[in-house]
Amino acid sequence: MNQVNENLKKNCVDAVTAFQKLNKKEFIDIQSKLKWCLGSYEYDKNPEGLFEYGIKSLDTLKKVKSKEPRKVTKKVIDGLEKAILSYNEN
Protein backbone atom coordinates (compact mmCIF):
# COMPACT_ATOMS: atom_id res chain seq x y z
CA MET A 1 0.00 0.00 0.00
CA ASN A 2 1.27 3.44 -0.92
CA GLN A 3 2.17 5.33 2.26
CA VAL A 4 1.88 8.74 0.55
CA ASN A 5 -1.71 7.99 -0.48
CA GLU A 6 -2.58 6.65 2.97
CA ASN A 7 -1.13 9.78 4.57
CA LEU A 8 -3.23 11.92 2.22
CA LYS A 9 -6.30 9.89 3.20
CA LYS A 10 -5.61 10.33 6.92
CA ASN A 11 -5.22 14.08 6.55
CA CYS A 12 -8.38 14.33 4.46
CA VAL A 13 -10.23 12.53 7.28
CA ASP A 14 -8.81 15.16 9.66
CA ALA A 15 -10.08 17.89 7.32
CA VAL A 16 -13.59 16.37 7.34
CA THR A 17 -13.46 16.39 11.14
CA ALA A 18 -12.37 20.05 11.09
CA PHE A 19 -15.30 20.95 8.82
CA GLN A 20 -17.69 19.05 11.10
CA LYS A 21 -16.40 20.99 14.12
CA LEU A 22 -16.94 24.29 12.30
CA ASN A 23 -20.56 23.21 11.82
CA LYS A 24 -21.45 25.83 9.20
CA LYS A 25 -23.75 25.35 6.22
CA GLU A 26 -21.21 26.93 3.86
CA PHE A 27 -18.89 23.93 4.34
CA ILE A 28 -21.44 21.16 3.80
CA ASP A 29 -20.69 20.90 0.08
CA ILE A 30 -16.91 20.56 0.36
CA GLN A 31 -17.28 18.26 3.36
CA SER A 32 -19.64 15.92 1.50
CA LYS A 33 -17.41 15.87 -1.60
CA LEU A 34 -14.37 15.09 0.55
CA LYS A 35 -16.29 12.26 2.25
CA TRP A 36 -17.31 10.91 -1.15
CA CYS A 37 -13.66 10.98 -2.30
CA LEU A 38 -12.62 9.11 0.85
CA GLY A 39 -15.20 6.41 0.12
CA SER A 40 -14.14 6.26 -3.50
CA TYR A 41 -10.48 5.91 -2.48
CA GLU A 42 -11.37 3.06 -0.13
CA TYR A 43 -13.08 1.32 -3.05
CA ASP A 44 -10.55 1.77 -5.87
CA LYS A 45 -7.38 3.16 -4.17
CA ASN A 46 -7.23 5.98 -6.74
CA PRO A 47 -6.15 9.09 -4.81
CA GLU A 48 -6.94 11.69 -7.51
CA GLY A 49 -10.15 12.89 -5.83
CA LEU A 50 -8.46 13.05 -2.43
CA PHE A 51 -5.70 15.15 -3.93
CA GLU A 52 -8.11 17.51 -5.71
CA TYR A 53 -10.40 18.00 -2.72
CA GLY A 54 -7.48 17.97 -0.31
CA ILE A 55 -6.21 21.11 -2.05
CA LYS A 56 -9.66 22.72 -2.02
CA SER A 57 -10.09 21.83 1.65
CA LEU A 58 -6.68 23.21 2.51
CA ASP A 59 -7.48 26.53 0.81
CA THR A 60 -10.84 26.73 2.60
CA LEU A 61 -9.42 25.84 6.01
CA LYS A 62 -6.62 28.39 5.60
CA LYS A 63 -9.20 31.10 4.87
CA VAL A 64 -11.20 30.13 7.95
CA LYS A 65 -8.05 30.13 10.08
CA SER A 66 -7.05 33.59 8.86
CA LYS A 67 -10.45 34.98 9.95
CA GLU A 68 -10.96 32.81 13.04
CA PRO A 69 -7.55 31.47 14.19
CA ARG A 70 -8.96 29.33 17.01
CA LYS A 71 -11.45 27.48 14.80
CA VAL A 72 -8.92 25.41 12.81
CA THR A 73 -5.79 23.85 14.27
CA LYS A 74 -2.37 24.37 12.75
CA LYS A 75 -1.91 20.59 12.93
CA VAL A 76 -4.77 19.97 10.47
CA ILE A 77 -3.48 22.57 8.01
CA ASP A 78 0.17 21.46 8.29
CA GLY A 79 -0.76 17.79 7.92
CA LEU A 80 -2.84 18.41 4.82
CA GLU A 81 -0.17 20.67 3.33
CA LYS A 82 2.58 18.07 3.85
CA ALA A 83 0.41 15.26 2.47
CA ILE A 84 -0.34 17.28 -0.68
CA LEU A 85 3.33 18.18 -1.17
CA SER A 86 4.35 14.53 -0.73
CA TYR A 87 1.72 13.48 -3.27
CA ASN A 88 3.04 16.05 -5.77
CA GLU A 89 6.56 14.65 -5.39
CA ASN A 90 5.39 11.13 -6.14
PDB file of N, CA and C in Angstrom:
ATOM      1  N   MET A   1       0.835  -1.182   0.000  1.00  0.00           N
ATOM      2  CA  MET A   1       0.000   0.000   0.000  1.00  0.00           C
ATOM      3  C   MET A   1       0.881   1.247   0.000  1.00  0.00           C
ATOM      4  N   ASN A   2       0.485   2.228  -0.776  1.00  0.00           N
ATOM      5  CA  ASN A   2       1.270   3.440  -0.920  1.00  0.00           C
ATOM      6  C   ASN A   2       1.106   4.339   0.312  1.00  0.00           C
ATOM      7  N   GLN A   3       2.201   4.547   1.019  1.00  0.00           N
ATOM      8  CA  GLN A   3       2.170   5.329   2.262  1.00  0.00           C
ATOM      9  C   GLN A   3       1.794   6.789   2.010  1.00  0.00           C
ATOM     10  N   VAL A   4       2.209   7.347   0.882  1.00  0.00           N
ATOM     11  CA  VAL A   4       1.882   8.740   0.552  1.00  0.00           C
ATOM     12  C   VAL A   4       0.364   8.886   0.409  1.00  0.00           C
ATOM     13  N   ASN A   5      -0.262   7.940  -0.294  1.00  0.00           N
ATOM     14  CA  ASN A   5      -1.714   7.991  -0.480  1.00  0.00           C
ATOM     15  C   ASN A   5      -2.443   7.802   0.847  1.00  0.00           C
ATOM     16  N   GLU A   6      -1.949   6.899   1.669  1.00  0.00           N
ATOM     17  CA  GLU A   6      -2.582   6.653   2.973  1.00  0.00           C
ATOM     18  C   GLU A   6      -2.455   7.876   3.879  1.00  0.00           C
ATOM     19  N   ASN A   7      -1.330   8.560   3.795  1.00  0.00           N
ATOM     20  CA  ASN A   7      -1.134   9.779   4.570  1.00  0.00           C
ATOM     21  C   ASN A   7      -2.104  10.869   4.095  1.00  0.00           C
ATOM     22  N   LEU A   8      -2.276  10.966   2.782  1.00  0.00           N
ATOM     23  CA  LEU A   8      -3.234  11.918   2.223  1.00  0.00           C
ATOM     24  C   LEU A   8      -4.639  11.592   2.716  1.00  0.00           C
ATOM     25  N   LYS A   9      -4.982  10.311   2.717  1.00  0.00           N
ATOM     26  CA  LYS A   9      -6.298   9.888   3.201  1.00  0.00           C
ATOM     27  C   LYS A   9      -6.502  10.296   4.654  1.00  0.00           C
ATOM     28  N   LYS A  10      -5.515  10.017   5.495  1.00  0.00           N
ATOM     29  CA  LYS A  10      -5.614  10.327   6.925  1.00  0.00           C
ATOM     30  C   LYS A  10      -5.836  11.824   7.136  1.00  0.00           C
ATOM     31  N   ASN A  11      -5.091  12.639   6.395  1.00  0.00           N
ATOM     32  CA  ASN A  11      -5.222  14.080   6.549  1.00  0.00           C
ATOM     33  C   ASN A  11      -6.524  14.615   5.971  1.00  0.00           C
ATOM     34  N   CYS A  12      -7.062  13.954   4.978  1.00  0.00           N
ATOM     35  CA  CYS A  12      -8.383  14.333   4.463  1.00  0.00           C
ATOM     36  C   CYS A  12      -9.469  13.996   5.490  1.00  0.00           C
ATOM     37  N   VAL A  13      -9.306  12.882   6.194  1.00  0.00           N
ATOM     38  CA  VAL A  13     -10.228  12.528   7.283  1.00  0.00           C
ATOM     39  C   VAL A  13     -10.173  13.618   8.358  1.00  0.00           C
ATOM     40  N   ASP A  14      -8.970  14.075   8.688  1.00  0.00           N
ATOM     41  CA  ASP A  14      -8.811  15.157   9.662  1.00  0.00           C
ATOM     42  C   ASP A  14      -9.495  16.444   9.182  1.00  0.00           C
ATOM     43  N   ALA A  15      -9.433  16.706   7.883  1.00  0.00           N
ATOM     44  CA  ALA A  15     -10.081  17.890   7.320  1.00  0.00           C
ATOM     45  C   ALA A  15     -11.602  17.782   7.442  1.00  0.00           C
ATOM     46  N   VAL A  16     -12.142  16.587   7.173  1.00  0.00           N
ATOM     47  CA  VAL A  16     -13.586  16.373   7.337  1.00  0.00           C
ATOM     48  C   VAL A  16     -13.983  16.662   8.783  1.00  0.00           C
ATOM     49  N   THR A  17     -13.192  16.157   9.717  1.00  0.00           N
ATOM     50  CA  THR A  17     -13.459  16.395  11.137  1.00  0.00           C
ATOM     51  C   THR A  17     -13.425  17.891  11.448  1.00  0.00           C
ATOM     52  N   ALA A  18     -12.469  18.598  10.872  1.00  0.00           N
ATOM     53  CA  ALA A  18     -12.365  20.047  11.086  1.00  0.00           C
ATOM     54  C   ALA A  18     -13.612  20.758  10.558  1.00  0.00           C
ATOM     55  N   PHE A  19     -14.085  20.350   9.376  1.00  0.00           N
ATOM     56  CA  PHE A  19     -15.305  20.950   8.822  1.00  0.00           C
ATOM     57  C   PHE A  19     -16.513  20.643   9.708  1.00  0.00           C
ATOM     58  N   GLN A  20     -16.577  19.416  10.223  1.00  0.00           N
ATOM     59  CA  GLN A  20     -17.686  19.051  11.104  1.00  0.00           C
ATOM     60  C   GLN A  20     -17.686  19.908  12.366  1.00  0.00           C
ATOM     61  N   LYS A  21     -16.507  20.166  12.915  1.00  0.00           N
ATOM     62  CA  LYS A  21     -16.397  20.992  14.121  1.00  0.00           C
ATOM     63  C   LYS A  21     -16.809  22.436  13.859  1.00  0.00           C
ATOM     64  N   LEU A  22     -16.533  22.923  12.647  1.00  0.00           N
ATOM     65  CA  LEU A  22     -16.936  24.287  12.296  1.00  0.00           C
ATOM     66  C   LEU A  22     -18.459  24.402  12.253  1.00  0.00           C
ATOM     67  N   ASN A  23     -19.104  23.324  11.804  1.00  0.00           N
ATOM     68  CA  ASN A  23     -20.561  23.207  11.819  1.00  0.00           C
ATOM     69  C   ASN A  23     -21.260  24.412  11.167  1.00  0.00           C
ATOM     70  N   LYS A  24     -20.824  24.728   9.942  1.00  0.00           N
ATOM     71  CA  LYS A  24     -21.445  25.831   9.203  1.00  0.00           C
ATOM     72  C   LYS A  24     -21.956  25.303   7.868  1.00  0.00           C
ATOM     73  N   LYS A  25     -23.119  25.806   7.459  1.00  0.00           N
ATOM     74  CA  LYS A  25     -23.748  25.354   6.215  1.00  0.00           C
ATOM     75  C   LYS A  25     -22.850  25.562   4.997  1.00  0.00           C
ATOM     76  N   GLU A  26     -22.045  26.618   5.024  1.00  0.00           N
ATOM     77  CA  GLU A  26     -21.208  26.932   3.859  1.00  0.00           C
ATOM     78  C   GLU A  26     -20.163  25.853   3.565  1.00  0.00           C
ATOM     79  N   PHE A  27     -19.900  24.974   4.539  1.00  0.00           N
ATOM     80  CA  PHE A  27     -18.890  23.930   4.343  1.00  0.00           C
ATOM     81  C   PHE A  27     -19.486  22.549   4.060  1.00  0.00           C
ATOM     82  N   ILE A  28     -20.801  22.460   4.016  1.00  0.00           N
ATOM     83  CA  ILE A  28     -21.445  21.158   3.798  1.00  0.00           C
ATOM     84  C   ILE A  28     -21.053  20.560   2.453  1.00  0.00           C
ATOM     85  N   ASP A  29     -21.000  21.393   1.422  1.00  0.00           N
ATOM     86  CA  ASP A  29     -20.694  20.904   0.079  1.00  0.00           C
ATOM     87  C   ASP A  29     -19.285  20.307   0.004  1.00  0.00           C
ATOM     88  N   ILE A  30     -18.286  21.065   0.445  1.00  0.00           N
ATOM     89  CA  ILE A  30     -16.907  20.560   0.360  1.00  0.00           C
ATOM     90  C   ILE A  30     -16.723  19.356   1.284  1.00  0.00           C
ATOM     91  N   GLN A  31     -17.374  19.384   2.420  1.00  0.00           N
ATOM     92  CA  GLN A  31     -17.284  18.263   3.360  1.00  0.00           C
ATOM     93  C   GLN A  31     -17.869  16.997   2.737  1.00  0.00           C
ATOM     94  N   SER A  32     -19.017  17.111   2.092  1.00  0.00           N
ATOM     95  CA  SER A  32     -19.636  15.922   1.496  1.00  0.00           C
ATOM     96  C   SER A  32     -18.831  15.411   0.308  1.00  0.00           C
ATOM     97  N   LYS A  33     -18.245  16.306  -0.470  1.00  0.00           N
ATOM     98  CA  LYS A  33     -17.410  15.872  -1.599  1.00  0.00           C
ATOM     99  C   LYS A  33     -16.146  15.170  -1.098  1.00  0.00           C
ATOM    100  N   LEU A  34     -15.569  15.703  -0.032  1.00  0.00           N
ATOM    101  CA  LEU A  34     -14.374  15.085   0.549  1.00  0.00           C
ATOM    102  C   LEU A  34     -14.716  13.698   1.101  1.00  0.00           C
ATOM    103  N   LYS A  35     -15.857  13.576   1.752  1.00  0.00           N
ATOM    104  CA  LYS A  35     -16.293  12.262   2.255  1.00  0.00           C
ATOM    105  C   LYS A  35     -16.491  11.287   1.101  1.00  0.00           C
ATOM    106  N   TRP A  36     -17.081  11.770   0.010  1.00  0.00           N
ATOM    107  CA  TRP A  36     -17.308  10.914  -1.146  1.00  0.00           C
ATOM    108  C   TRP A  36     -15.967  10.435  -1.703  1.00  0.00           C
ATOM    109  N   CYS A  37     -14.996  11.350  -1.789  1.00  0.00           N
ATOM    110  CA  CYS A  37     -13.665  10.984  -2.299  1.00  0.00           C
ATOM    111  C   CYS A  37     -12.987   9.965  -1.388  1.00  0.00           C
ATOM    112  N   LEU A  38     -13.186  10.095  -0.089  1.00  0.00           N
ATOM    113  CA  LEU A  38     -12.624   9.114   0.852  1.00  0.00           C
ATOM    114  C   LEU A  38     -13.227   7.733   0.599  1.00  0.00           C
ATOM    115  N   GLY A  39     -14.535   7.684   0.410  1.00  0.00           N
ATOM    116  CA  GLY A  39     -15.201   6.414   0.120  1.00  0.00           C
ATOM    117  C   GLY A  39     -14.737   5.827  -1.199  1.00  0.00           C
ATOM    118  N   SER A  40     -14.598   6.693  -2.195  1.00  0.00           N
ATOM    119  CA  SER A  40     -14.135   6.261  -3.501  1.00  0.00           C
ATOM    120  C   SER A  40     -12.711   5.702  -3.414  1.00  0.00           C
ATOM    121  N   TYR A  41     -11.864   6.384  -2.652  1.00  0.00           N
ATOM    122  CA  TYR A  41     -10.481   5.914  -2.477  1.00  0.00           C
ATOM    123  C   TYR A  41     -10.457   4.546  -1.802  1.00  0.00           C
ATOM    124  N   GLU A  42     -11.307   4.352  -0.804  1.00  0.00           N
ATOM    125  CA  GLU A  42     -11.375   3.056  -0.127  1.00  0.00           C
ATOM    126  C   GLU A  42     -11.751   1.950  -1.119  1.00  0.00           C
ATOM    127  N   TYR A  43     -12.607   2.293  -2.073  1.00  0.00           N
ATOM    128  CA  TYR A  43     -13.079   1.319  -3.052  1.00  0.00           C
ATOM    129  C   TYR A  43     -12.025   0.997  -4.105  1.00  0.00           C
ATOM    130  N   ASP A  44     -11.429   2.041  -4.717  1.00  0.00           N
ATOM    131  CA  ASP A  44     -10.548   1.769  -5.866  1.00  0.00           C
ATOM    132  C   ASP A  44      -9.073   2.159  -5.654  1.00  0.00           C
ATOM    133  N   LYS A  45      -8.749   2.738  -4.502  1.00  0.00           N
ATOM    134  CA  LYS A  45      -7.376   3.157  -4.171  1.00  0.00           C
ATOM    135  C   LYS A  45      -6.804   4.180  -5.149  1.00  0.00           C
ATOM    136  N   ASN A  46      -7.676   4.894  -5.866  1.00  0.00           N
ATOM    137  CA  ASN A  46      -7.235   5.976  -6.738  1.00  0.00           C
ATOM    138  C   ASN A  46      -7.319   7.281  -5.948  1.00  0.00           C
ATOM    139  N   PRO A  47      -6.177   7.916  -5.686  1.00  0.00           N
ATOM    140  CA  PRO A  47      -6.149   9.092  -4.806  1.00  0.00           C
ATOM    141  C   PRO A  47      -6.433  10.436  -5.494  1.00  0.00           C
ATOM    142  N   GLU A  48      -6.761  10.423  -6.787  1.00  0.00           N
ATOM    143  CA  GLU A  48      -6.935  11.693  -7.507  1.00  0.00           C
ATOM    144  C   GLU A  48      -7.962  12.618  -6.845  1.00  0.00           C
ATOM    145  N   GLY A  49      -9.105  12.077  -6.465  1.00  0.00           N
ATOM    146  CA  GLY A  49     -10.149  12.891  -5.829  1.00  0.00           C
ATOM    147  C   GLY A  49      -9.696  13.433  -4.486  1.00  0.00           C
ATOM    148  N   LEU A  50      -8.994  12.597  -3.727  1.00  0.00           N
ATOM    149  CA  LEU A  50      -8.463  13.049  -2.435  1.00  0.00           C
ATOM    150  C   LEU A  50      -7.503  14.214  -2.636  1.00  0.00           C
ATOM    151  N   PHE A  51      -6.670  14.097  -3.642  1.00  0.00           N
ATOM    152  CA  PHE A  51      -5.702  15.150  -3.927  1.00  0.00           C
ATOM    153  C   PHE A  51      -6.428  16.441  -4.309  1.00  0.00           C
ATOM    154  N   GLU A  52      -7.372  16.335  -5.234  1.00  0.00           N
ATOM    155  CA  GLU A  52      -8.109  17.510  -5.710  1.00  0.00           C
ATOM    156  C   GLU A  52      -8.865  18.194  -4.562  1.00  0.00           C
ATOM    157  N   TYR A  53      -9.615  17.402  -3.806  1.00  0.00           N
ATOM    158  CA  TYR A  53     -10.404  18.000  -2.723  1.00  0.00           C
ATOM    159  C   TYR A  53      -9.568  18.275  -1.481  1.00  0.00           C
ATOM    160  N   GLY A  54      -8.416  17.636  -1.378  1.00  0.00           N
ATOM    161  CA  GLY A  54      -7.483  17.971  -0.313  1.00  0.00           C
ATOM    162  C   GLY A  54      -6.979  19.394  -0.500  1.00  0.00           C
ATOM    163  N   ILE A  55      -6.659  19.755  -1.740  1.00  0.00           N
ATOM    164  CA  ILE A  55      -6.205  21.115  -2.053  1.00  0.00           C
ATOM    165  C   ILE A  55      -7.316  22.132  -1.773  1.00  0.00           C
ATOM    166  N   LYS A  56      -8.532  21.810  -2.234  1.00  0.00           N
ATOM    167  CA  LYS A  56      -9.663  22.725  -2.016  1.00  0.00           C
ATOM    168  C   LYS A  56      -9.947  22.883  -0.522  1.00  0.00           C
ATOM    169  N   SER A  57      -9.855  21.786   0.202  1.00  0.00           N
ATOM    170  CA  SER A  57     -10.094  21.832   1.647  1.00  0.00           C
ATOM    171  C   SER A  57      -9.023  22.658   2.338  1.00  0.00           C
ATOM    172  N   LEU A  58      -7.787  22.461   1.927  1.00  0.00           N
ATOM    173  CA  LEU A  58      -6.678  23.215   2.513  1.00  0.00           C
ATOM    174  C   LEU A  58      -6.890  24.715   2.313  1.00  0.00           C
ATOM    175  N   ASP A  59      -7.242  25.108   1.098  1.00  0.00           N
ATOM    176  CA  ASP A  59      -7.485  26.530   0.815  1.00  0.00           C
ATOM    177  C   ASP A  59      -8.611  27.075   1.694  1.00  0.00           C
ATOM    178  N   THR A  60      -9.686  26.314   1.800  1.00  0.00           N
ATOM    179  CA  THR A  60     -10.839  26.735   2.596  1.00  0.00           C
ATOM    180  C   THR A  60     -10.484  26.830   4.070  1.00  0.00           C
ATOM    181  N   LEU A  61      -9.794  25.833   4.587  1.00  0.00           N
ATOM    182  CA  LEU A  61      -9.422  25.840   6.007  1.00  0.00           C
ATOM    183  C   LEU A  61      -8.444  26.972   6.330  1.00  0.00           C
ATOM    184  N   LYS A  62      -7.551  27.267   5.396  1.00  0.00           N
ATOM    185  CA  LYS A  62      -6.619  28.387   5.603  1.00  0.00           C
ATOM    186  C   LYS A  62      -7.378  29.710   5.688  1.00  0.00           C
ATOM    187  N   LYS A  63      -8.395  29.874   4.839  1.00  0.00           N
ATOM    188  CA  LYS A  63      -9.202  31.101   4.865  1.00  0.00           C
ATOM    189  C   LYS A  63      -9.937  31.227   6.193  1.00  0.00           C
ATOM    190  N   VAL A  64     -10.495  30.122   6.659  1.00  0.00           N
ATOM    191  CA  VAL A  64     -11.195  30.131   7.946  1.00  0.00           C
ATOM    192  C   VAL A  64     -10.216  30.497   9.055  1.00  0.00           C
ATOM    193  N   LYS A  65      -9.038  29.878   9.022  1.00  0.00           N
ATOM    194  CA  LYS A  65      -8.048  30.130  10.075  1.00  0.00           C
ATOM    195  C   LYS A  65      -7.594  31.595  10.073  1.00  0.00           C
ATOM    196  N   SER A  66      -7.489  32.195   8.905  1.00  0.00           N
ATOM    197  CA  SER A  66      -7.053  33.592   8.857  1.00  0.00           C
ATOM    198  C   SER A  66      -8.099  34.525   9.485  1.00  0.00           C
ATOM    199  N   LYS A  67      -9.380  34.155   9.376  1.00  0.00           N
ATOM    200  CA  LYS A  67     -10.451  34.978   9.953  1.00  0.00           C
ATOM    201  C   LYS A  67     -10.719  34.607  11.409  1.00  0.00           C
ATOM    202  N   GLU A  68     -10.647  33.314  11.692  1.00  0.00           N
ATOM    203  CA  GLU A  68     -10.957  32.814  13.035  1.00  0.00           C
ATOM    204  C   GLU A  68      -9.867  31.813  13.449  1.00  0.00           C
ATOM    205  N   PRO A  69      -8.722  32.319  13.923  1.00  0.00           N
ATOM    206  CA  PRO A  69      -7.554  31.466  14.187  1.00  0.00           C
ATOM    207  C   PRO A  69      -7.807  30.280  15.132  1.00  0.00           C
ATOM    208  N   ARG A  70      -8.731  30.409  16.040  1.00  0.00           N
ATOM    209  CA  ARG A  70      -8.956  29.329  17.007  1.00  0.00           C
ATOM    210  C   ARG A  70      -9.865  28.220  16.484  1.00  0.00           C
ATOM    211  N   LYS A  71     -10.474  28.449  15.330  1.00  0.00           N
ATOM    212  CA  LYS A  71     -11.446  27.480  14.805  1.00  0.00           C
ATOM    213  C   LYS A  71     -10.808  26.293  14.087  1.00  0.00           C
ATOM    214  N   VAL A  72      -9.606  26.479  13.557  1.00  0.00           N
ATOM    215  CA  VAL A  72      -8.924  25.410  12.813  1.00  0.00           C
ATOM    216  C   VAL A  72      -7.513  25.272  13.373  1.00  0.00           C
ATOM    217  N   THR A  73      -7.126  24.042  13.683  1.00  0.00           N
ATOM    218  CA  THR A  73      -5.794  23.852  14.271  1.00  0.00           C
ATOM    219  C   THR A  73      -4.706  23.882  13.201  1.00  0.00           C
ATOM    220  N   LYS A  74      -3.553  24.342  13.620  1.00  0.00           N
ATOM    221  CA  LYS A  74      -2.368  24.374  12.754  1.00  0.00           C
ATOM    222  C   LYS A  74      -2.003  22.954  12.332  1.00  0.00           C
ATOM    223  N   LYS A  75      -2.233  21.996  13.211  1.00  0.00           N
ATOM    224  CA  LYS A  75      -1.913  20.593  12.933  1.00  0.00           C
ATOM    225  C   LYS A  75      -2.674  20.082  11.706  1.00  0.00           C
ATOM    226  N   VAL A  76      -3.958  20.413  11.612  1.00  0.00           N
ATOM    227  CA  VAL A  76      -4.770  19.969  10.468  1.00  0.00           C
ATOM    228  C   VAL A  76      -4.238  20.586   9.171  1.00  0.00           C
ATOM    229  N   ILE A  77      -3.971  21.879   9.206  1.00  0.00           N
ATOM    230  CA  ILE A  77      -3.477  22.567   8.007  1.00  0.00           C
ATOM    231  C   ILE A  77      -2.093  22.051   7.617  1.00  0.00           C
ATOM    232  N   ASP A  78      -1.188  21.949   8.588  1.00  0.00           N
ATOM    233  CA  ASP A  78       0.165  21.461   8.293  1.00  0.00           C
ATOM    234  C   ASP A  78       0.139  20.030   7.756  1.00  0.00           C
ATOM    235  N   GLY A  79      -0.670  19.183   8.358  1.00  0.00           N
ATOM    236  CA  GLY A  79      -0.756  17.785   7.919  1.00  0.00           C
ATOM    237  C   GLY A  79      -1.243  17.671   6.489  1.00  0.00           C
ATOM    238  N   LEU A  80      -2.278  18.432   6.171  1.00  0.00           N
ATOM    239  CA  LEU A  80      -2.839  18.410   4.821  1.00  0.00           C
ATOM    240  C   LEU A  80      -1.832  18.974   3.817  1.00  0.00           C
ATOM    241  N   GLU A  81      -1.168  20.047   4.204  1.00  0.00           N
ATOM    242  CA  GLU A  81      -0.169  20.665   3.334  1.00  0.00           C
ATOM    243  C   GLU A  81       0.968  19.683   3.013  1.00  0.00           C
ATOM    244  N   LYS A  82       1.488  19.023   4.044  1.00  0.00           N
ATOM    245  CA  LYS A  82       2.584  18.065   3.855  1.00  0.00           C
ATOM    246  C   LYS A  82       2.141  16.879   3.009  1.00  0.00           C
ATOM    247  N   ALA A  83       0.920  16.407   3.237  1.00  0.00           N
ATOM    248  CA  ALA A  83       0.414  15.262   2.467  1.00  0.00           C
ATOM    249  C   ALA A  83       0.274  15.623   0.988  1.00  0.00           C
ATOM    250  N   ILE A  84      -0.184  16.834   0.702  1.00  0.00           N
ATOM    251  CA  ILE A  84      -0.339  17.282  -0.675  1.00  0.00           C
ATOM    252  C   ILE A  84       1.024  17.447  -1.343  1.00  0.00           C
ATOM    253  N   LEU A  85       1.969  18.037  -0.630  1.00  0.00           N
ATOM    254  CA  LEU A  85       3.331  18.184  -1.169  1.00  0.00           C
ATOM    255  C   LEU A  85       3.968  16.825  -1.449  1.00  0.00           C
ATOM    256  N   SER A  86       3.803  15.883  -0.540  1.00  0.00           N
ATOM    257  CA  SER A  86       4.346  14.530  -0.730  1.00  0.00           C
ATOM    258  C   SER A  86       3.724  13.864  -1.946  1.00  0.00           C
ATOM    259  N   TYR A  87       2.424  14.063  -2.130  1.00  0.00           N
ATOM    260  CA  TYR A  87       1.722  13.482  -3.267  1.00  0.00           C
ATOM    261  C   TYR A  87       2.279  14.068  -4.564  1.00  0.00           C
ATOM    262  N   ASN A  88       2.503  15.372  -4.573  1.00  0.00           N
ATOM    263  CA  ASN A  88       3.041  16.045  -5.771  1.00  0.00           C
ATOM    264  C   ASN A  88       4.410  15.504  -6.145  1.00  0.00           C
ATOM    265  N   GLU A  89       5.204  15.149  -5.136  1.00  0.00           N
ATOM    266  CA  GLU A  89       6.562  14.649  -5.386  1.00  0.00           C
ATOM    267  C   GLU A  89       6.567  13.221  -5.893  1.00  0.00           C
ATOM    268  N   ASN A  90       5.483  12.529  -5.728  1.00  0.00           N
ATOM    269  CA  ASN A  90       5.393  11.130  -6.138  1.00  0.00           C
ATOM    270  C   ASN A  90       5.342  10.953  -7.637  1.00  0.00           C
TER     271      ASN A  90
END
